[in-house]
Amino acid sequence: MRIVAQAGEPERNRQPTLVRYDTALLWVGTVGLIGLGGLLLLATPAVGASFVACGGLCLVGLIRVKRIGERALVIDDAGISYTTIWGTQYQVPMSEITGARVGSRGVVLQLRAPRGQFKVPPRSPRRERDRGGLFLPETLDISGNDLVGLIRARLPHADDGEARSTHDYP
């Protein structure tokens, strides 16, 4: 009989989890804004032009999301790699994550250090009030509870999710 892993040991060398952005709402918004803008151009050109311009910005965002593809969020044993719609990249080692919780518009990762240190390339934080959190929006193609479960399963120091950042104040 061969024992592969002890009961209390976390599973290592798992496949990374790839999460993409959910584009359904972005498609509807883009088509709606451009279409409504086209109709309004006939009646009031200034208002119609502003709707078409907003639709164009949505289209730019949609193109960026498609370029990012399946790698908007990558969760593996080493850490989390996250790319925003506008191209900002963060790479956070699992050892720097103190917890994860579902927020009102997405998931908040609680970090030991300011999030600016995890940007690619790294930067010093712009504000002193950076409390060491990284926000993962609900536009990712995964529910907040499922995402928190995936992150907590890979944390080396699994907790109940109520861990606080070293930058949080009582």
Protein backbone atom coordinates (compact mmCIF):
# COMPACT_ATOMS: atom_id res chain seq x y z
CA MET A 1 0.00 0.00 0.00
CA ARG A 2 1.37 3.37 -1.01
CA ILE A 3 0.45 6.67 0.70
CA VAL A 4 0.44 9.52 -1.79
CA ALA A 5 -0.18 12.40 0.64
CA GLN A 6 -0.91 12.79 4.30
CA ALA A 7 -4.45 13.80 5.22
CA GLY A 8 -3.46 17.22 6.57
CA GLU A 9 -1.06 18.16 3.78
CA PRO A 10 -2.27 20.52 1.07
CA GLU A 11 -2.29 19.13 -2.45
CA ARG A 12 0.66 20.48 -4.47
CA ASN A 13 1.37 20.75 -8.18
CA ARG A 14 -2.27 21.23 -9.08
CA GLN A 15 -3.18 22.65 -12.44
CA PRO A 16 -3.54 26.43 -12.48
CA THR A 17 -7.06 27.83 -12.57
CA LEU A 18 -7.63 30.21 -15.47
CA VAL A 19 -10.48 32.74 -15.32
CA ARG A 20 -11.55 35.08 -18.12
CA TYR A 21 -13.71 38.18 -18.12
CA ASP A 22 -17.45 37.79 -18.67
CA THR A 23 -18.16 39.73 -21.87
CA ALA A 24 -21.94 39.36 -22.24
CA LEU A 25 -22.80 42.63 -20.50
CA LEU A 26 -20.00 44.45 -22.32
CA TRP A 27 -21.36 43.27 -25.70
CA VAL A 28 -24.89 44.41 -24.82
CA GLY A 29 -23.63 47.77 -23.59
CA THR A 30 -21.49 48.36 -26.66
CA VAL A 31 -24.21 47.50 -29.16
CA GLY A 32 -26.84 49.40 -27.17
CA LEU A 33 -24.81 52.58 -26.83
CA ILE A 34 -23.71 52.67 -30.46
CA GLY A 35 -27.19 51.80 -31.72
CA LEU A 36 -28.92 54.36 -29.52
CA GLY A 37 -26.30 56.92 -30.44
CA GLY A 38 -26.93 56.27 -34.13
CA LEU A 39 -30.64 56.89 -33.67
CA LEU A 40 -30.07 60.02 -31.60
CA LEU A 41 -27.64 61.40 -34.18
CA LEU A 42 -30.63 61.98 -36.44
CA ALA A 43 -32.60 63.95 -33.83
CA THR A 44 -29.93 65.66 -31.71
CA PRO A 45 -26.40 65.27 -33.06
CA ALA A 46 -24.60 66.39 -29.87
CA VAL A 47 -26.36 63.83 -27.66
CA GLY A 48 -26.07 61.09 -30.27
CA ALA A 49 -22.35 61.72 -30.67
CA SER A 50 -21.78 61.32 -26.93
CA PHE A 51 -23.60 57.94 -26.95
CA VAL A 52 -21.54 56.78 -29.93
CA ALA A 53 -18.35 57.91 -28.15
CA CYS A 54 -19.28 55.95 -25.01
CA GLY A 55 -20.05 52.92 -27.18
CA GLY A 56 -16.62 53.33 -28.78
CA LEU A 57 -14.97 53.25 -25.34
CA CYS A 58 -16.90 50.07 -24.54
CA LEU A 59 -15.67 48.60 -27.82
CA VAL A 60 -12.06 49.42 -26.89
CA GLY A 61 -12.60 47.68 -23.53
CA LEU A 62 -14.11 44.68 -25.30
CA ILE A 63 -11.11 44.40 -27.63
CA ARG A 64 -8.75 44.54 -24.63
CA VAL A 65 -10.73 41.83 -22.84
CA LYS A 66 -10.54 39.58 -25.90
CA ARG A 67 -6.76 40.11 -26.11
CA ILE A 68 -6.34 39.12 -22.45
CA GLY A 69 -8.32 35.94 -23.13
CA GLU A 70 -8.35 33.11 -20.61
CA ARG A 71 -5.57 34.63 -18.50
CA ALA A 72 -7.40 37.52 -16.83
CA LEU A 73 -6.93 35.72 -13.51
CA VAL A 74 -4.54 32.81 -12.98
CA ILE A 75 -4.55 31.03 -9.62
CA ASP A 76 -1.88 28.45 -8.91
CA ASP A 77 0.14 27.20 -5.94
CA ALA A 78 2.73 29.96 -6.36
CA GLY A 79 0.24 32.82 -6.30
CA ILE A 80 -2.30 34.88 -8.18
CA SER A 81 -1.70 36.74 -11.43
CA TYR A 82 -4.38 39.29 -12.32
CA THR A 83 -4.65 41.54 -15.41
CA THR A 84 -7.13 44.42 -15.39
CA ILE A 85 -9.16 45.36 -18.46
CA TRP A 86 -6.78 48.29 -19.07
CA GLY A 87 -3.66 46.10 -18.94
CA THR A 88 -2.35 46.66 -15.40
CA GLN A 89 -0.85 43.41 -14.12
CA TYR A 90 -0.49 42.18 -10.55
CA GLN A 91 1.40 39.10 -9.38
CA VAL A 92 0.79 38.24 -5.74
CA PRO A 93 2.53 35.27 -4.07
CA MET A 94 0.23 33.12 -1.91
CA SER A 95 2.45 33.86 1.09
CA GLU A 96 1.45 37.55 0.85
CA ILE A 97 -2.30 36.90 0.92
CA THR A 98 -3.82 36.99 4.41
CA GLY A 99 -7.42 36.34 3.37
CA ALA A 100 -10.16 36.79 0.81
CA ARG A 101 -13.74 37.95 1.17
CA VAL A 102 -16.70 38.71 -1.06
CA GLY A 103 -17.35 42.44 -1.35
CA SER A 104 -20.30 44.31 -2.80
CA ARG A 105 -18.92 44.36 -6.38
CA GLY A 106 -16.37 41.56 -6.38
CA VAL A 107 -13.74 39.85 -4.24
CA VAL A 108 -11.24 41.65 -2.02
CA LEU A 109 -7.87 40.02 -1.40
CA GLN A 110 -6.28 41.11 1.86
CA LEU A 111 -2.53 41.52 1.44
CA ARG A 112 0.38 41.88 3.85
CA ALA A 113 1.93 44.74 1.84
CA PRO A 114 0.52 47.59 -0.29
CA ARG A 115 -0.80 46.38 -3.65
CA GLY A 116 1.61 48.68 -5.53
CA GLN A 117 4.44 46.30 -4.60
CA PHE A 118 2.76 43.54 -6.61
CA LYS A 119 2.35 45.50 -9.85
CA VAL A 120 4.32 44.37 -12.86
CA PRO A 121 6.68 46.28 -12.97
CA PRO A 122 6.65 47.06 -9.21
CA ARG A 123 5.89 50.58 -8.00
CA SER A 124 5.82 52.28 -4.68
CA PRO A 125 2.28 53.16 -3.54
CA ARG A 126 0.93 56.56 -4.59
CA ARG A 127 -1.07 57.02 -1.42
CA GLU A 128 -0.16 56.42 2.16
CA ARG A 129 -3.63 55.05 2.83
CA ASP A 130 -3.14 51.90 0.73
CA ARG A 131 -4.36 49.25 3.13
CA GLY A 132 -2.96 46.25 1.34
CA GLY A 133 -6.03 45.08 -0.55
CA LEU A 134 -6.51 44.02 -4.16
CA PHE A 135 -9.98 44.13 -5.69
CA LEU A 136 -11.04 41.46 -8.19
CA PRO A 137 -14.21 42.73 -9.93
CA GLU A 138 -17.42 40.81 -10.48
CA THR A 139 -16.88 41.07 -14.24
CA LEU A 140 -14.72 37.95 -14.02
CA ASP A 141 -16.47 34.84 -15.29
CA ILE A 142 -16.76 33.22 -11.84
CA SER A 143 -18.98 33.89 -8.84
CA GLY A 144 -17.49 35.67 -5.85
CA ASN A 145 -18.08 32.75 -3.49
CA ASP A 146 -16.47 30.27 -5.89
CA LEU A 147 -13.46 32.57 -6.34
CA VAL A 148 -13.02 32.97 -2.58
CA GLY A 149 -13.23 29.17 -2.22
CA LEU A 150 -10.53 28.65 -4.87
CA ILE A 151 -8.23 31.18 -3.23
CA ARG A 152 -8.73 29.85 0.30
CA ALA A 153 -8.08 26.28 -0.88
CA ARG A 154 -4.63 27.30 -2.09
CA LEU A 155 -3.61 29.48 0.86
CA PRO A 156 -0.79 27.87 2.84
CA HIS A 157 -2.29 29.24 6.08
CA ALA A 158 -5.97 28.56 5.40
CA ASP A 159 -8.15 30.64 7.68
CA ASP A 160 -11.82 31.49 7.96
CA GLY A 161 -11.43 34.45 5.61
CA GLU A 162 -11.56 36.99 8.37
CA ALA A 163 -7.81 37.56 8.48
CA ARG A 164 -6.88 41.22 8.35
CA SER A 165 -4.18 42.95 6.48
CA THR A 166 -1.27 44.32 8.46
CA HIS A 167 -2.35 47.72 7.12
CA ASP A 168 -5.90 47.56 8.54
CA TYR A 169 -6.59 49.66 11.56
CA PRO A 170 -8.69 48.55 14.56
